[in-house]
């Protein structure tokens, strides 16, 4: 079963759609960036067949750090982290589940990932 989700940053400048199985699990990382933004993210990465940026490409700003293998995309207007993308696989994103309309990420089963020891 496939569900369509709609998402956006806080100000609405960035909007996206997602087609996937119903979201029941999430991921929370403790690396220095994730711990500060406190994001609850999608467990899997979604490819271009599932994730579509509908508006706001020009509103996105990229932040890369450490080993530069992940591009973190934020709205330049409201500052919200919307998703991050694998540099080696452009178009494959892990989403900030707090950006998905009608989804309460804190109600999901959250897997904690120890990204702090990988750096």
PDB file of N, CA and C in Angstrom:
ATOM      1  N   UNK A   1       0.837  -1.174   0.000  1.00  0.00           N
ATOM      2  CA  UNK A   1       0.000   0.000   0.000  1.00  0.00           C
ATOM      3  C   UNK A   1       0.894   1.254   0.000  1.00  0.00           C
ATOM      4  N   UNK A   2       0.601   2.183  -0.872  1.00  0.00           N
ATOM      5  CA  UNK A   2       1.359   3.419  -0.978  1.00  0.00           C
ATOM      6  C   UNK A   2       0.509   4.581  -0.475  1.00  0.00           C
ATOM      7  N   UNK A   3       1.144   5.429   0.292  1.00  0.00           N
ATOM      8  CA  UNK A   3       0.490   6.619   0.828  1.00  0.00           C
ATOM      9  C   UNK A   3       1.168   7.848   0.239  1.00  0.00           C
ATOM     10  N   UNK A   4       0.384   8.869  -0.037  1.00  0.00           N
ATOM     11  CA  UNK A   4       0.955  10.135  -0.485  1.00  0.00           C
ATOM     12  C   UNK A   4       0.990  11.087   0.699  1.00  0.00           C
ATOM     13  N   UNK A   5       2.163  11.630   0.955  1.00  0.00           N
ATOM     14  CA  UNK A   5       2.358  12.621   2.003  1.00  0.00           C
ATOM     15  C   UNK A   5       2.713  13.951   1.360  1.00  0.00           C
ATOM     16  N   UNK A   6       2.303  15.026   2.007  1.00  0.00           N
ATOM     17  CA  UNK A   6       2.682  16.373   1.595  1.00  0.00           C
ATOM     18  C   UNK A   6       3.523  16.972   2.712  1.00  0.00           C
ATOM     19  N   UNK A   7       4.539  17.733   2.345  1.00  0.00           N
ATOM     20  CA  UNK A   7       5.390  18.331   3.355  1.00  0.00           C
ATOM     21  C   UNK A   7       5.843  19.715   2.950  1.00  0.00           C
ATOM     22  N   UNK A   8       6.327  20.444   3.963  1.00  0.00           N
ATOM     23  CA  UNK A   8       6.809  21.793   3.705  1.00  0.00           C
ATOM     24  C   UNK A   8       7.685  22.247   4.866  1.00  0.00           C
ATOM     25  N   UNK A   9       8.455  23.294   4.600  1.00  0.00           N
ATOM     26  CA  UNK A   9       9.200  23.942   5.673  1.00  0.00           C
ATOM     27  C   UNK A   9       8.206  24.761   6.497  1.00  0.00           C
ATOM     28  N   UNK A  10       8.671  25.482   7.496  1.00  0.00           N
ATOM     29  CA  UNK A  10       7.771  26.242   8.357  1.00  0.00           C
ATOM     30  C   UNK A  10       7.060  27.368   7.612  1.00  0.00           C
ATOM     31  N   UNK A  11       7.789  28.118   6.783  1.00  0.00           N
ATOM     32  CA  UNK A  11       7.189  29.263   6.090  1.00  0.00           C
ATOM     33  C   UNK A  11       6.444  28.873   4.808  1.00  0.00           C
ATOM     34  N   UNK A  12       6.632  27.651   4.327  1.00  0.00           N
ATOM     35  CA  UNK A  12       5.950  27.191   3.124  1.00  0.00           C
ATOM     36  C   UNK A  12       6.673  27.474   1.827  1.00  0.00           C
ATOM     37  N   UNK A  13       7.858  28.069   1.893  1.00  0.00           N
ATOM     38  CA  UNK A  13       8.609  28.347   0.666  1.00  0.00           C
ATOM     39  C   UNK A  13       9.056  27.057  -0.011  1.00  0.00           C
ATOM     40  N   UNK A  14       9.355  26.014   0.779  1.00  0.00           N
ATOM     41  CA  UNK A  14       9.772  24.709   0.255  1.00  0.00           C
ATOM     42  C   UNK A  14       8.621  23.732   0.467  1.00  0.00           C
ATOM     43  N   UNK A  15       8.212  23.079  -0.605  1.00  0.00           N
ATOM     44  CA  UNK A  15       7.126  22.095  -0.533  1.00  0.00           C
ATOM     45  C   UNK A  15       7.543  20.838  -1.294  1.00  0.00           C
ATOM     46  N   UNK A  16       7.098  19.690  -0.775  1.00  0.00           N
ATOM     47  CA  UNK A  16       7.432  18.423  -1.420  1.00  0.00           C
ATOM     48  C   UNK A  16       6.294  17.432  -1.258  1.00  0.00           C
ATOM     49  N   UNK A  17       6.342  16.373  -2.046  1.00  0.00           N
ATOM     50  CA  UNK A  17       5.433  15.245  -1.878  1.00  0.00           C
ATOM     51  C   UNK A  17       6.267  13.978  -1.758  1.00  0.00           C
ATOM     52  N   UNK A  18       5.686  13.010  -1.089  1.00  0.00           N
ATOM     53  CA  UNK A  18       6.348  11.740  -0.848  1.00  0.00           C
ATOM     54  C   UNK A  18       5.338  10.629  -1.062  1.00  0.00           C
ATOM     55  N   UNK A  19       5.729   9.606  -1.824  1.00  0.00           N
ATOM     56  CA  UNK A  19       4.908   8.430  -2.062  1.00  0.00           C
ATOM     57  C   UNK A  19       5.662   7.236  -1.498  1.00  0.00           C
ATOM     58  N   UNK A  20       5.093   6.597  -0.463  1.00  0.00           N
ATOM     59  CA  UNK A  20       5.780   5.470   0.161  1.00  0.00           C
ATOM     60  C   UNK A  20       4.777   4.663   0.980  1.00  0.00           C
ATOM     61  N   UNK A  21       5.246   3.576   1.537  1.00  0.00           N
ATOM     62  CA  UNK A  21       4.426   2.812   2.475  1.00  0.00           C
ATOM     63  C   UNK A  21       4.134   3.714   3.679  1.00  0.00           C
ATOM     64  N   UNK A  22       3.052   3.466   4.394  1.00  0.00           N
ATOM     65  CA  UNK A  22       2.755   4.291   5.566  1.00  0.00           C
ATOM     66  C   UNK A  22       3.960   4.370   6.511  1.00  0.00           C
ATOM     67  N   UNK A  23       4.264   5.558   6.954  1.00  0.00           N
ATOM     68  CA  UNK A  23       5.428   5.777   7.822  1.00  0.00           C
ATOM     69  C   UNK A  23       5.076   5.374   9.244  1.00  0.00           C
ATOM     70  N   UNK A  24       5.827   4.422   9.770  1.00  0.00           N
ATOM     71  CA  UNK A  24       5.583   3.956  11.141  1.00  0.00           C
ATOM     72  C   UNK A  24       6.845   4.002  11.997  1.00  0.00           C
ATOM     73  N   UNK A  25       7.993   4.216  11.354  1.00  0.00           N
ATOM     74  CA  UNK A  25       9.260   4.250  12.080  1.00  0.00           C
ATOM     75  C   UNK A  25      10.032   5.505  11.715  1.00  0.00           C
ATOM     76  N   UNK A  26      10.931   5.885  12.621  1.00  0.00           N
ATOM     77  CA  UNK A  26      11.736   7.079  12.416  1.00  0.00           C
ATOM     78  C   UNK A  26      13.142   6.831  12.929  1.00  0.00           C
ATOM     79  N   UNK A  27      14.002   7.791  12.685  1.00  0.00           N
ATOM     80  CA  UNK A  27      15.402   7.709  13.082  1.00  0.00           C
ATOM     81  C   UNK A  27      15.791   9.010  13.763  1.00  0.00           C
ATOM     82  N   UNK A  28      16.540   8.906  14.841  1.00  0.00           N
ATOM     83  CA  UNK A  28      17.087  10.089  15.493  1.00  0.00           C
ATOM     84  C   UNK A  28      18.561   9.827  15.759  1.00  0.00           C
ATOM     85  N   UNK A  29      19.402  10.744  15.274  1.00  0.00           N
ATOM     86  CA  UNK A  29      20.849  10.613  15.346  1.00  0.00           C
ATOM     87  C   UNK A  29      21.395  11.539  16.436  1.00  0.00           C
ATOM     88  N   UNK A  30      22.543  11.165  16.983  1.00  0.00           N
ATOM     89  CA  UNK A  30      23.155  11.985  18.033  1.00  0.00           C
ATOM     90  C   UNK A  30      24.479  12.624  17.600  1.00  0.00           C
ATOM     91  N   UNK A  31      24.729  12.723  16.295  1.00  0.00           N
ATOM     92  CA  UNK A  31      25.933  13.437  15.868  1.00  0.00           C
ATOM     93  C   UNK A  31      25.778  14.908  16.274  1.00  0.00           C
ATOM     94  N   UNK A  32      26.849  15.668  16.187  1.00  0.00           N
ATOM     95  CA  UNK A  32      26.805  17.047  16.682  1.00  0.00           C
ATOM     96  C   UNK A  32      25.795  17.922  15.933  1.00  0.00           C
ATOM     97  N   UNK A  33      25.545  17.657  14.668  1.00  0.00           N
ATOM     98  CA  UNK A  33      24.560  18.440  13.924  1.00  0.00           C
ATOM     99  C   UNK A  33      23.139  18.012  14.285  1.00  0.00           C
ATOM    100  N   UNK A  34      22.886  16.726  14.243  1.00  0.00           N
ATOM    101  CA  UNK A  34      21.529  16.235  14.510  1.00  0.00           C
ATOM    102  C   UNK A  34      21.076  16.501  15.937  1.00  0.00           C
ATOM    103  N   UNK A  35      21.988  16.394  16.886  1.00  0.00           N
ATOM    104  CA  UNK A  35      21.603  16.622  18.270  1.00  0.00           C
ATOM    105  C   UNK A  35      21.182  18.078  18.464  1.00  0.00           C
ATOM    106  N   UNK A  36      21.804  18.984  17.728  1.00  0.00           N
ATOM    107  CA  UNK A  36      21.463  20.403  17.849  1.00  0.00           C
ATOM    108  C   UNK A  36      20.152  20.756  17.137  1.00  0.00           C
ATOM    109  N   UNK A  37      19.885  20.103  16.018  1.00  0.00           N
ATOM    110  CA  UNK A  37      18.634  20.417  15.318  1.00  0.00           C
ATOM    111  C   UNK A  37      17.475  19.566  15.820  1.00  0.00           C
ATOM    112  N   UNK A  38      17.773  18.514  16.588  1.00  0.00           N
ATOM    113  CA  UNK A  38      16.764  17.668  17.231  1.00  0.00           C
ATOM    114  C   UNK A  38      15.740  17.098  16.241  1.00  0.00           C
ATOM    115  N   UNK A  39      16.191  16.800  15.060  1.00  0.00           N
ATOM    116  CA  UNK A  39      15.277  16.303  14.037  1.00  0.00           C
ATOM    117  C   UNK A  39      14.970  14.823  14.227  1.00  0.00           C
ATOM    118  N   UNK A  40      13.753  14.476  13.928  1.00  0.00           N
ATOM    119  CA  UNK A  40      13.339  13.078  13.823  1.00  0.00           C
ATOM    120  C   UNK A  40      13.163  12.837  12.330  1.00  0.00           C
ATOM    121  N   UNK A  41      13.973  11.929  11.803  1.00  0.00           N
ATOM    122  CA  UNK A  41      14.077  11.753  10.357  1.00  0.00           C
ATOM    123  C   UNK A  41      13.431  10.453   9.892  1.00  0.00           C
ATOM    124  N   UNK A  42      13.211  10.384   8.594  1.00  0.00           N
ATOM    125  CA  UNK A  42      12.737   9.131   8.001  1.00  0.00           C
ATOM    126  C   UNK A  42      13.826   8.085   8.172  1.00  0.00           C
ATOM    127  N   UNK A  43      13.418   6.873   8.441  1.00  0.00           N
ATOM    128  CA  UNK A  43      14.379   5.771   8.584  1.00  0.00           C
ATOM    129  C   UNK A  43      15.063   5.488   7.244  1.00  0.00           C
ATOM    130  N   UNK A  44      14.297   5.245   6.177  1.00  0.00           N
ATOM    131  CA  UNK A  44      14.967   4.997   4.893  1.00  0.00           C
ATOM    132  C   UNK A  44      15.281   6.291   4.161  1.00  0.00           C
ATOM    133  N   UNK A  45      16.168   6.186   3.203  1.00  0.00           N
ATOM    134  CA  UNK A  45      16.352   7.239   2.217  1.00  0.00           C
ATOM    135  C   UNK A  45      15.320   6.986   1.132  1.00  0.00           C
ATOM    136  N   UNK A  46      14.781   8.044   0.575  1.00  0.00           N
ATOM    137  CA  UNK A  46      13.812   7.931  -0.510  1.00  0.00           C
ATOM    138  C   UNK A  46      14.440   8.437  -1.791  1.00  0.00           C
ATOM    139  N   UNK A  47      14.227   7.696  -2.875  1.00  0.00           N
ATOM    140  CA  UNK A  47      14.767   8.066  -4.175  1.00  0.00           C
ATOM    141  C   UNK A  47      13.824   8.973  -4.936  1.00  0.00           C
ATOM    142  N   UNK A  48      14.247   9.387  -6.126  1.00  0.00           N
ATOM    143  CA  UNK A  48      13.437  10.289  -6.955  1.00  0.00           C
ATOM    144  C   UNK A  48      12.077   9.713  -7.346  1.00  0.00           C
ATOM    145  N   UNK A  49      11.930   8.398  -7.288  1.00  0.00           N
ATOM    146  CA  UNK A  49      10.635   7.795  -7.593  1.00  0.00           C
ATOM    147  C   UNK A  49       9.624   8.036  -6.475  1.00  0.00           C
ATOM    148  N   UNK A  50      10.096   8.339  -5.267  1.00  0.00           N
ATOM    149  CA  UNK A  50       9.212   8.540  -4.123  1.00  0.00           C
ATOM    150  C   UNK A  50       9.136  10.001  -3.670  1.00  0.00           C
ATOM    151  N   UNK A  51      10.239  10.726  -3.794  1.00  0.00           N
ATOM    152  CA  UNK A  51      10.316  12.102  -3.303  1.00  0.00           C
ATOM    153  C   UNK A  51      10.320  13.092  -4.457  1.00  0.00           C
ATOM    154  N   UNK A  52       9.438  14.086  -4.380  1.00  0.00           N
ATOM    155  CA  UNK A  52       9.403  15.130  -5.410  1.00  0.00           C
ATOM    156  C   UNK A  52       9.395  16.497  -4.735  1.00  0.00           C
ATOM    157  N   UNK A  53      10.371  17.312  -5.075  1.00  0.00           N
ATOM    158  CA  UNK A  53      10.388  18.690  -4.616  1.00  0.00           C
ATOM    159  C   UNK A  53       9.426  19.460  -5.513  1.00  0.00           C
ATOM    160  N   UNK A  54       8.368  19.988  -4.933  1.00  0.00           N
ATOM    161  CA  UNK A  54       7.329  20.657  -5.711  1.00  0.00           C
ATOM    162  C   UNK A  54       7.593  22.145  -5.902  1.00  0.00           C
ATOM    163  N   UNK A  55       8.211  22.759  -4.911  1.00  0.00           N
ATOM    164  CA  UNK A  55       8.510  24.188  -5.013  1.00  0.00           C
ATOM    165  C   UNK A  55       9.605  24.541  -4.021  1.00  0.00           C
ATOM    166  N   UNK A  56      10.363  25.565  -4.352  1.00  0.00           N
ATOM    167  CA  UNK A  56      11.319  26.108  -3.412  1.00  0.00           C
ATOM    168  C   UNK A  56      12.766  25.729  -3.611  1.00  0.00           C
ATOM    169  N   UNK A  57      13.129  25.203  -4.756  1.00  0.00           N
ATOM    170  CA  UNK A  57      14.541  24.873  -5.001  1.00  0.00           C
ATOM    171  C   UNK A  57      15.426  26.075  -4.707  1.00  0.00           C
ATOM    172  N   UNK A  58      14.990  27.260  -5.129  1.00  0.00           N
ATOM    173  CA  UNK A  58      15.771  28.475  -4.923  1.00  0.00           C
ATOM    174  C   UNK A  58      15.805  28.911  -3.455  1.00  0.00           C
ATOM    175  N   UNK A  59      14.887  28.411  -2.643  1.00  0.00           N
ATOM    176  CA  UNK A  59      14.850  28.755  -1.218  1.00  0.00           C
ATOM    177  C   UNK A  59      15.743  27.835  -0.384  1.00  0.00           C
ATOM    178  N   UNK A  60      16.212  26.742  -0.973  1.00  0.00           N
ATOM    179  CA  UNK A  60      17.042  25.794  -0.232  1.00  0.00           C
ATOM    180  C   UNK A  60      18.488  26.252  -0.158  1.00  0.00           C
ATOM    181  N   UNK A  61      19.073  26.032   0.990  1.00  0.00           N
ATOM    182  CA  UNK A  61      20.490  26.331   1.209  1.00  0.00           C
ATOM    183  C   UNK A  61      21.157  25.057   1.729  1.00  0.00           C
ATOM    184  N   UNK A  62      22.327  24.747   1.209  1.00  0.00           N
ATOM    185  CA  UNK A  62      23.027  23.515   1.573  1.00  0.00           C
ATOM    186  C   UNK A  62      24.108  23.782   2.616  1.00  0.00           C
ATOM    187  N   UNK A  63      24.185  22.871   3.582  1.00  0.00           N
ATOM    188  CA  UNK A  63      25.254  22.901   4.579  1.00  0.00           C
ATOM    189  C   UNK A  63      25.911  21.530   4.587  1.00  0.00           C
ATOM    190  N   UNK A  64      27.215  21.500   4.364  1.00  0.00           N
ATOM    191  CA  UNK A  64      27.983  20.259   4.439  1.00  0.00           C
ATOM    192  C   UNK A  64      29.043  20.419   5.511  1.00  0.00           C
ATOM    193  N   UNK A  65      29.351  19.353   6.176  1.00  0.00           N
ATOM    194  CA  UNK A  65      30.376  19.406   7.222  1.00  0.00           C
ATOM    195  C   UNK A  65      31.075  18.071   7.310  1.00  0.00           C
ATOM    196  N   UNK A  66      32.093  18.012   8.118  1.00  0.00           N
ATOM    197  CA  UNK A  66      32.881  16.816   8.395  1.00  0.00           C
ATOM    198  C   UNK A  66      33.389  16.180   7.104  1.00  0.00           C
ATOM    199  N   UNK A  67      32.917  14.982   6.759  1.00  0.00           N
ATOM    200  CA  UNK A  67      33.448  14.257   5.604  1.00  0.00           C
ATOM    201  C   UNK A  67      32.753  14.610   4.282  1.00  0.00           C
ATOM    202  N   UNK A  68      31.824  15.542   4.309  1.00  0.00           N
ATOM    203  CA  UNK A  68      31.145  16.071   3.119  1.00  0.00           C
ATOM    204  C   UNK A  68      30.403  15.015   2.299  1.00  0.00           C
ATOM    205  N   UNK A  69      29.905  13.965   2.927  1.00  0.00           N
ATOM    206  CA  UNK A  69      29.177  12.934   2.188  1.00  0.00           C
ATOM    207  C   UNK A  69      27.662  13.157   2.219  1.00  0.00           C
ATOM    208  N   UNK A  70      27.221  14.114   3.027  1.00  0.00           N
ATOM    209  CA  UNK A  70      25.794  14.414   3.122  1.00  0.00           C
ATOM    210  C   UNK A  70      25.584  15.903   2.916  1.00  0.00           C
ATOM    211  N   UNK A  71      24.622  16.236   2.073  1.00  0.00           N
ATOM    212  CA  UNK A  71      24.214  17.629   1.876  1.00  0.00           C
ATOM    213  C   UNK A  71      22.955  17.854   2.701  1.00  0.00           C
ATOM    214  N   UNK A  72      23.044  18.742   3.672  1.00  0.00           N
ATOM    215  CA  UNK A  72      21.914  19.077   4.537  1.00  0.00           C
ATOM    216  C   UNK A  72      21.215  20.297   3.943  1.00  0.00           C
ATOM    217  N   UNK A  73      19.930  20.180   3.646  1.00  0.00           N
ATOM    218  CA  UNK A  73      19.189  21.241   2.977  1.00  0.00           C
ATOM    219  C   UNK A  73      18.232  21.920   3.943  1.00  0.00           C
ATOM    220  N   UNK A  74      18.362  23.235   4.039  1.00  0.00           N
ATOM    221  CA  UNK A  74      17.571  24.078   4.925  1.00  0.00           C
ATOM    222  C   UNK A  74      16.854  25.141   4.100  1.00  0.00           C
ATOM    223  N   UNK A  75      15.720  25.603   4.577  1.00  0.00           N
ATOM    224  CA  UNK A  75      15.057  26.740   3.952  1.00  0.00           C
ATOM    225  C   UNK A  75      15.803  28.003   4.363  1.00  0.00           C
ATOM    226  N   UNK A  76      16.230  28.790   3.405  1.00  0.00           N
ATOM    227  CA  UNK A  76      16.986  30.012   3.699  1.00  0.00           C
ATOM    228  C   UNK A  76      16.112  31.090   4.320  1.00  0.00           C
ATOM    229  N   UNK A  77      14.789  30.934   4.282  1.00  0.00           N
ATOM    230  CA  UNK A  77      13.891  31.941   4.852  1.00  0.00           C
ATOM    231  C   UNK A  77      13.550  31.655   6.319  1.00  0.00           C
ATOM    232  N   UNK A  78      13.135  30.434   6.607  1.00  0.00           N
ATOM    233  CA  UNK A  78      12.723  30.122   7.982  1.00  0.00           C
ATOM    234  C   UNK A  78      13.754  29.289   8.743  1.00  0.00           C
ATOM    235  N   UNK A  79      14.771  28.764   8.052  1.00  0.00           N
ATOM    236  CA  UNK A  79      15.842  28.031   8.711  1.00  0.00           C
ATOM    237  C   UNK A  79      15.559  26.573   9.004  1.00  0.00           C
ATOM    238  N   UNK A  80      14.423  26.066   8.580  1.00  0.00           N
ATOM    239  CA  UNK A  80      14.059  24.682   8.890  1.00  0.00           C
ATOM    240  C   UNK A  80      14.852  23.696   8.033  1.00  0.00           C
ATOM    241  N   UNK A  81      15.416  22.686   8.712  1.00  0.00           N
ATOM    242  CA  UNK A  81      16.056  21.553   8.027  1.00  0.00           C
ATOM    243  C   UNK A  81      14.936  20.728   7.413  1.00  0.00           C
ATOM    244  N   UNK A  82      14.953  20.582   6.093  1.00  0.00           N
ATOM    245  CA  UNK A  82      13.889  19.868   5.387  1.00  0.00           C
ATOM    246  C   UNK A  82      14.302  18.430   5.070  1.00  0.00           C
ATOM    247  N   UNK A  83      15.517  18.255   4.570  1.00  0.00           N
ATOM    248  CA  UNK A  83      16.003  16.915   4.244  1.00  0.00           C
ATOM    249  C   UNK A  83      17.510  16.954   4.092  1.00  0.00           C
ATOM    250  N   UNK A  84      18.108  15.769   4.036  1.00  0.00           N
ATOM    251  CA  UNK A  84      19.508  15.688   3.641  1.00  0.00           C
ATOM    252  C   UNK A  84      19.640  14.625   2.557  1.00  0.00           C
ATOM    253  N   UNK A  85      20.698  14.781   1.776  1.00  0.00           N
ATOM    254  CA  UNK A  85      20.886  13.992   0.560  1.00  0.00           C
ATOM    255  C   UNK A  85      22.282  13.387   0.552  1.00  0.00           C
ATOM    256  N   UNK A  86      22.379  12.151   0.110  1.00  0.00           N
ATOM    257  CA  UNK A  86      23.679  11.506  -0.035  1.00  0.00           C
ATOM    258  C   UNK A  86      24.396  12.079  -1.252  1.00  0.00           C
ATOM    259  N   UNK A  87      25.613  12.556  -1.078  1.00  0.00           N
ATOM    260  CA  UNK A  87      26.382  13.118  -2.179  1.00  0.00           C
ATOM    261  C   UNK A  87      26.623  12.057  -3.261  1.00  0.00           C
ATOM    262  N   UNK A  88      26.888  10.807  -2.829  1.00  0.00           N
ATOM    263  CA  UNK A  88      27.164   9.725  -3.783  1.00  0.00           C
ATOM    264  C   UNK A  88      25.916   9.279  -4.550  1.00  0.00           C
ATOM    265  N   UNK A  89      24.723   9.596  -4.025  1.00  0.00           N
ATOM    266  CA  UNK A  89      23.476   9.196  -4.674  1.00  0.00           C
ATOM    267  C   UNK A  89      22.544  10.398  -4.745  1.00  0.00           C
ATOM    268  N   UNK A  90      22.820  11.342  -5.628  1.00  0.00           N
ATOM    269  CA  UNK A  90      21.961  12.524  -5.724  1.00  0.00           C
ATOM    270  C   UNK A  90      20.496  12.130  -5.916  1.00  0.00           C
ATOM    271  N   UNK A  91      19.635  12.859  -5.237  1.00  0.00           N
ATOM    272  CA  UNK A  91      18.208  12.573  -5.335  1.00  0.00           C
ATOM    273  C   UNK A  91      17.707  11.594  -4.303  1.00  0.00           C
ATOM    274  N   UNK A  92      18.595  11.033  -3.498  1.00  0.00           N
ATOM    275  CA  UNK A  92      18.200  10.113  -2.427  1.00  0.00           C
ATOM    276  C   UNK A  92      18.255  10.876  -1.107  1.00  0.00           C
ATOM    277  N   UNK A  93      17.078  11.054  -0.515  1.00  0.00           N
ATOM    278  CA  UNK A  93      16.954  11.932   0.641  1.00  0.00           C
ATOM    279  C   UNK A  93      16.391  11.208   1.861  1.00  0.00           C
ATOM    280  N   UNK A  94      16.802  11.707   3.007  1.00  0.00           N
ATOM    281  CA  UNK A  94      16.208  11.331   4.293  1.00  0.00           C
ATOM    282  C   UNK A  94      15.508  12.598   4.773  1.00  0.00           C
ATOM    283  N   UNK A  95      14.228  12.501   5.106  1.00  0.00           N
ATOM    284  CA  UNK A  95      13.400  13.664   5.390  1.00  0.00           C
ATOM    285  C   UNK A  95      13.287  13.975   6.870  1.00  0.00           C
ATOM    286  N   UNK A  96      13.125  15.250   7.171  1.00  0.00           N
ATOM    287  CA  UNK A  96      12.738  15.690   8.505  1.00  0.00           C
ATOM    288  C   UNK A  96      11.243  15.413   8.612  1.00  0.00           C
ATOM    289  N   UNK A  97      10.858  14.424   9.404  1.00  0.00           N
ATOM    290  CA  UNK A  97       9.457  14.021   9.480  1.00  0.00           C
ATOM    291  C   UNK A  97       8.576  15.094  10.093  1.00  0.00           C
ATOM    292  N   UNK A  98       9.159  16.044  10.792  1.00  0.00           N
ATOM    293  CA  UNK A  98       8.399  17.165  11.318  1.00  0.00           C
ATOM    294  C   UNK A  98       7.872  18.080  10.229  1.00  0.00           C
ATOM    295  N   UNK A  99       8.371  17.934   9.013  1.00  0.00           N
ATOM    296  CA  UNK A  99       7.917  18.743   7.879  1.00  0.00           C
ATOM    297  C   UNK A  99       6.724  18.122   7.168  1.00  0.00           C
ATOM    298  N   UNK A 100       6.353  16.904   7.500  1.00  0.00           N
ATOM    299  CA  UNK A 100       5.249  16.233   6.814  1.00  0.00           C
ATOM    300  C   UNK A 100       3.932  16.602   7.486  1.00  0.00           C
ATOM    301  N   UNK A 101       3.018  17.109   6.687  1.00  0.00           N
ATOM    302  CA  UNK A 101       1.718  17.554   7.176  1.00  0.00           C
ATOM    303  C   UNK A 101       0.943  16.393   7.805  1.00  0.00           C
ATOM    304  N   UNK A 102       0.404  16.608   8.992  1.00  0.00           N
ATOM    305  CA  UNK A 102      -0.456  15.632   9.646  1.00  0.00           C
ATOM    306  C   UNK A 102       0.253  14.448  10.265  1.00  0.00           C
ATOM    307  N   UNK A 103       1.573  14.440  10.274  1.00  0.00           N
ATOM    308  CA  UNK A 103       2.325  13.326  10.848  1.00  0.00           C
ATOM    309  C   UNK A 103       2.994  13.798  12.135  1.00  0.00           C
ATOM    310  N   UNK A 104       2.785  13.067  13.217  1.00  0.00           N
ATOM    311  CA  UNK A 104       3.436  13.392  14.482  1.00  0.00           C
ATOM    312  C   UNK A 104       4.645  12.478  14.633  1.00  0.00           C
ATOM    313  N   UNK A 105       5.849  12.966  14.347  1.00  0.00           N
ATOM    314  CA  UNK A 105       7.023  12.096  14.382  1.00  0.00           C
ATOM    315  C   UNK A 105       7.309  11.521  15.767  1.00  0.00           C
ATOM    316  N   UNK A 106       6.893  12.193  16.820  1.00  0.00           N
ATOM    317  CA  UNK A 106       7.153  11.703  18.175  1.00  0.00           C
ATOM    318  C   UNK A 106       6.246  10.533  18.565  1.00  0.00           C
ATOM    319  N   UNK A 107       5.220  10.288  17.760  1.00  0.00           N
ATOM    320  CA  UNK A 107       4.324   9.157  18.013  1.00  0.00           C
ATOM    321  C   UNK A 107       4.810   7.881  17.319  1.00  0.00           C
ATOM    322  N   UNK A 108       5.871   7.990  16.523  1.00  0.00           N
ATOM    323  CA  UNK A 108       6.405   6.843  15.788  1.00  0.00           C
ATOM    324  C   UNK A 108       7.406   6.069  16.635  1.00  0.00           C
ATOM    325  N   UNK A 109       7.676   4.846  16.236  1.00  0.00           N
ATOM    326  CA  UNK A 109       8.770   4.086  16.838  1.00  0.00           C
ATOM    327  C   UNK A 109      10.069   4.712  16.348  1.00  0.00           C
ATOM    328  N   UNK A 110      10.894   5.192  17.272  1.00  0.00           N
ATOM    329  CA  UNK A 110      12.112   5.916  16.905  1.00  0.00           C
ATOM    330  C   UNK A 110      13.334   5.060  17.206  1.00  0.00           C
ATOM    331  N   UNK A 111      14.144   4.828  16.169  1.00  0.00           N
ATOM    332  CA  UNK A 111      15.414   4.124  16.345  1.00  0.00           C
ATOM    333  C   UNK A 111      16.491   5.177  16.559  1.00  0.00           C
ATOM    334  N   UNK A 112      17.265   5.005  17.598  1.00  0.00           N
ATOM    335  CA  UNK A 112      18.339   5.944  17.906  1.00  0.00           C
ATOM    336  C   UNK A 112      19.625   5.450  17.255  1.00  0.00           C
ATOM    337  N   UNK A 113      20.244   6.337  16.487  1.00  0.00           N
ATOM    338  CA  UNK A 113      21.454   6.024  15.729  1.00  0.00           C
ATOM    339  C   UNK A 113      22.634   6.753  16.356  1.00  0.00           C
ATOM    340  N   UNK A 114      23.689   6.048  16.654  1.00  0.00           N
ATOM    341  CA  UNK A 114      24.867   6.634  17.288  1.00  0.00           C
ATOM    342  C   UNK A 114      25.834   7.182  16.243  1.00  0.00           C
ATOM    343  N   UNK A 115      25.483   8.317  15.667  1.00  0.00           N
ATOM    344  CA  UNK A 115      26.333   8.971  14.691  1.00  0.00           C
ATOM    345  C   UNK A 115      27.523   9.668  15.321  1.00  0.00           C
ATOM    346  N   UNK A 116      27.459   9.924  16.621  1.00  0.00           N
ATOM    347  CA  UNK A 116      28.552  10.618  17.307  1.00  0.00           C
ATOM    348  C   UNK A 116      29.833   9.806  17.309  1.00  0.00           C
ATOM    349  N   UNK A 117      29.745   8.486  17.367  1.00  0.00           N
ATOM    350  CA  UNK A 117      30.954   7.662  17.400  1.00  0.00           C
ATOM    351  C   UNK A 117      31.502   7.395  16.003  1.00  0.00           C
ATOM    352  N   UNK A 118      30.756   7.740  14.967  1.00  0.00           N
ATOM    353  CA  UNK A 118      31.225   7.525  13.589  1.00  0.00           C
ATOM    354  C   UNK A 118      32.120   8.666  13.125  1.00  0.00           C
ATOM    355  N   UNK A 119      32.099   9.754  13.827  1.00  0.00           N
ATOM    356  CA  UNK A 119      32.835  10.947  13.380  1.00  0.00           C
ATOM    357  C   UNK A 119      34.157  11.062  14.096  1.00  0.00           C
TER     358      UNK A 119
END
